[in-house]
Amino acid sequence: MVSVDLAEPADIVDRLLWRDAQVMLGRHAGPDQDGGGCVWCGWPWPCPPRRLAERAAAVSREGRHAFH
C-alpha cells in the first residue's frame, strides 16, 4: 500500500485538484526495477497518468484551470 502525505501546502488554491493529484502521484510513483515502466500501470516512464498528475498539482497552486 502506498502512503501519501495529504498535508496541504499554504499556496494551494484548488484543494480537491491537489488532493487528487497527490493520490495519482503516489500510485504512479516511479519506474519499475527495470527502469522502463511505471510501477503502477506498466506504461513507459514517465507514464501519461504521472505527467497529468504533475500538471494537476501545478495548476492546483496556480489557480488557473487551462490545460494547453
C-alpha atoms as a PDB file:
ATOM      1  CA  MET A   1       0.000   0.000   0.000  1.00  0.00           C
ATOM      2  CA  VAL A   2       1.280   3.455  -0.916  1.00  0.00           C
ATOM      3  CA  SER A   3       1.140   6.150   1.738  1.00  0.00           C
ATOM      4  CA  VAL A   4       0.593   9.739   0.633  1.00  0.00           C
ATOM      5  CA  ASP A   5       1.008  12.780   2.870  1.00  0.00           C
ATOM      6  CA  LEU A   6      -2.070  14.918   2.289  1.00  0.00           C
ATOM      7  CA  ALA A   7      -0.963  17.856   4.446  1.00  0.00           C
ATOM      8  CA  GLU A   8      -1.786  20.796   2.201  1.00  0.00           C
ATOM      9  CA  PRO A   9       0.830  23.449   1.450  1.00  0.00           C
ATOM     10  CA  ALA A  10      -0.253  27.024   2.123  1.00  0.00           C
ATOM     11  CA  ASP A  11      -0.274  28.089  -1.553  1.00  0.00           C
ATOM     12  CA  ILE A  12      -2.958  25.633  -2.741  1.00  0.00           C
ATOM     13  CA  VAL A  13      -5.873  27.350  -4.459  1.00  0.00           C
ATOM     14  CA  ASP A  14      -7.763  24.209  -5.546  1.00  0.00           C
ATOM     15  CA  ARG A  15      -7.687  21.705  -2.697  1.00  0.00           C
ATOM     16  CA  LEU A  16      -9.677  18.948  -4.417  1.00  0.00           C
ATOM     17  CA  LEU A  17      -7.471  19.019  -7.505  1.00  0.00           C
ATOM     18  CA  TRP A  18      -4.344  18.999  -5.332  1.00  0.00           C
ATOM     19  CA  ARG A  19      -5.560  16.017  -3.291  1.00  0.00           C
ATOM     20  CA  ASP A  20      -6.470  14.042  -6.413  1.00  0.00           C
ATOM     21  CA  ALA A  21      -3.061  14.824  -7.910  1.00  0.00           C
ATOM     22  CA  GLN A  22      -1.318  13.608  -4.745  1.00  0.00           C
ATOM     23  CA  VAL A  23      -3.140  10.272  -4.904  1.00  0.00           C
ATOM     24  CA  MET A  24      -2.158   9.807  -8.555  1.00  0.00           C
ATOM     25  CA  LEU A  25       1.446  10.839  -7.843  1.00  0.00           C
ATOM     26  CA  GLY A  26       1.550   8.277  -5.034  1.00  0.00           C
ATOM     27  CA  ARG A  27       0.320   5.486  -7.280  1.00  0.00           C
ATOM     28  CA  HIS A  28       2.460   6.329 -10.298  1.00  0.00           C
ATOM     29  CA  ALA A  29       5.483   6.923  -8.078  1.00  0.00           C
ATOM     30  CA  GLY A  30       8.358   5.845 -10.270  1.00  0.00           C
ATOM     31  CA  PRO A  31       9.777   3.381 -12.738  1.00  0.00           C
ATOM     32  CA  ASP A  32       9.830  -0.343 -12.022  1.00  0.00           C
ATOM     33  CA  GLN A  33      13.021  -2.215 -11.126  1.00  0.00           C
ATOM     34  CA  ASP A  34      13.944  -2.488 -14.807  1.00  0.00           C
ATOM     35  CA  GLY A  35      13.565   1.293 -15.153  1.00  0.00           C
ATOM     36  CA  GLY A  36      11.314   1.053 -18.172  1.00  0.00           C
ATOM     37  CA  GLY A  37       7.733   1.073 -16.944  1.00  0.00           C
ATOM     38  CA  CYS A  38       5.623   2.672 -14.235  1.00  0.00           C
ATOM     39  CA  VAL A  39       5.344   0.635 -11.031  1.00  0.00           C
ATOM     40  CA  TRP A  40       1.549   1.100 -11.054  1.00  0.00           C
ATOM     41  CA  CYS A  41       0.402   0.832 -14.673  1.00  0.00           C
ATOM     42  CA  GLY A  42       3.430  -0.531 -16.545  1.00  0.00           C
ATOM     43  CA  TRP A  43       3.403   2.163 -19.233  1.00  0.00           C
ATOM     44  CA  PRO A  44       6.761   3.643 -20.252  1.00  0.00           C
ATOM     45  CA  TRP A  45       8.106   6.003 -17.582  1.00  0.00           C
ATOM     46  CA  PRO A  46       7.078   8.731 -17.037  1.00  0.00           C
ATOM     47  CA  CYS A  47       3.614   7.407 -17.822  1.00  0.00           C
ATOM     48  CA  PRO A  48       0.741   9.621 -19.049  1.00  0.00           C
ATOM     49  CA  PRO A  49      -1.106   9.474 -15.676  1.00  0.00           C
ATOM     50  CA  ARG A  50       2.060  10.632 -13.907  1.00  0.00           C
ATOM     51  CA  ARG A  51       2.521  13.560 -16.289  1.00  0.00           C
ATOM     52  CA  LEU A  52      -1.145  14.521 -15.927  1.00  0.00           C
ATOM     53  CA  ALA A  53      -0.900  14.357 -12.120  1.00  0.00           C
ATOM     54  CA  GLU A  54       2.189  16.594 -12.210  1.00  0.00           C
ATOM     55  CA  ARG A  55       0.297  19.143 -14.312  1.00  0.00           C
ATOM     56  CA  ALA A  56      -2.736  18.940 -11.996  1.00  0.00           C
ATOM     57  CA  ALA A  57      -0.545  19.535  -8.950  1.00  0.00           C
ATOM     58  CA  ALA A  58       0.981  22.604 -10.623  1.00  0.00           C
ATOM     59  CA  VAL A  59      -2.384  24.008 -11.679  1.00  0.00           C
ATOM     60  CA  SER A  60      -3.807  23.477  -8.169  1.00  0.00           C
ATOM     61  CA  ARG A  61      -1.231  26.010  -6.992  1.00  0.00           C
ATOM     62  CA  GLU A  62      -1.608  28.487  -9.850  1.00  0.00           C
ATOM     63  CA  GLY A  63      -5.344  28.883  -9.663  1.00  0.00           C
ATOM     64  CA  ARG A  64      -5.978  28.547 -13.378  1.00  0.00           C
ATOM     65  CA  HIS A  65      -7.645  25.584 -14.996  1.00  0.00           C
ATOM     66  CA  ALA A  66      -6.467  25.915 -18.572  1.00  0.00           C
ATOM     67  CA  PHE A  67      -4.653  22.904 -19.924  1.00  0.00           C
ATOM     68  CA  HIS A  68      -2.880  23.714 -23.165  1.00  0.00           C
END
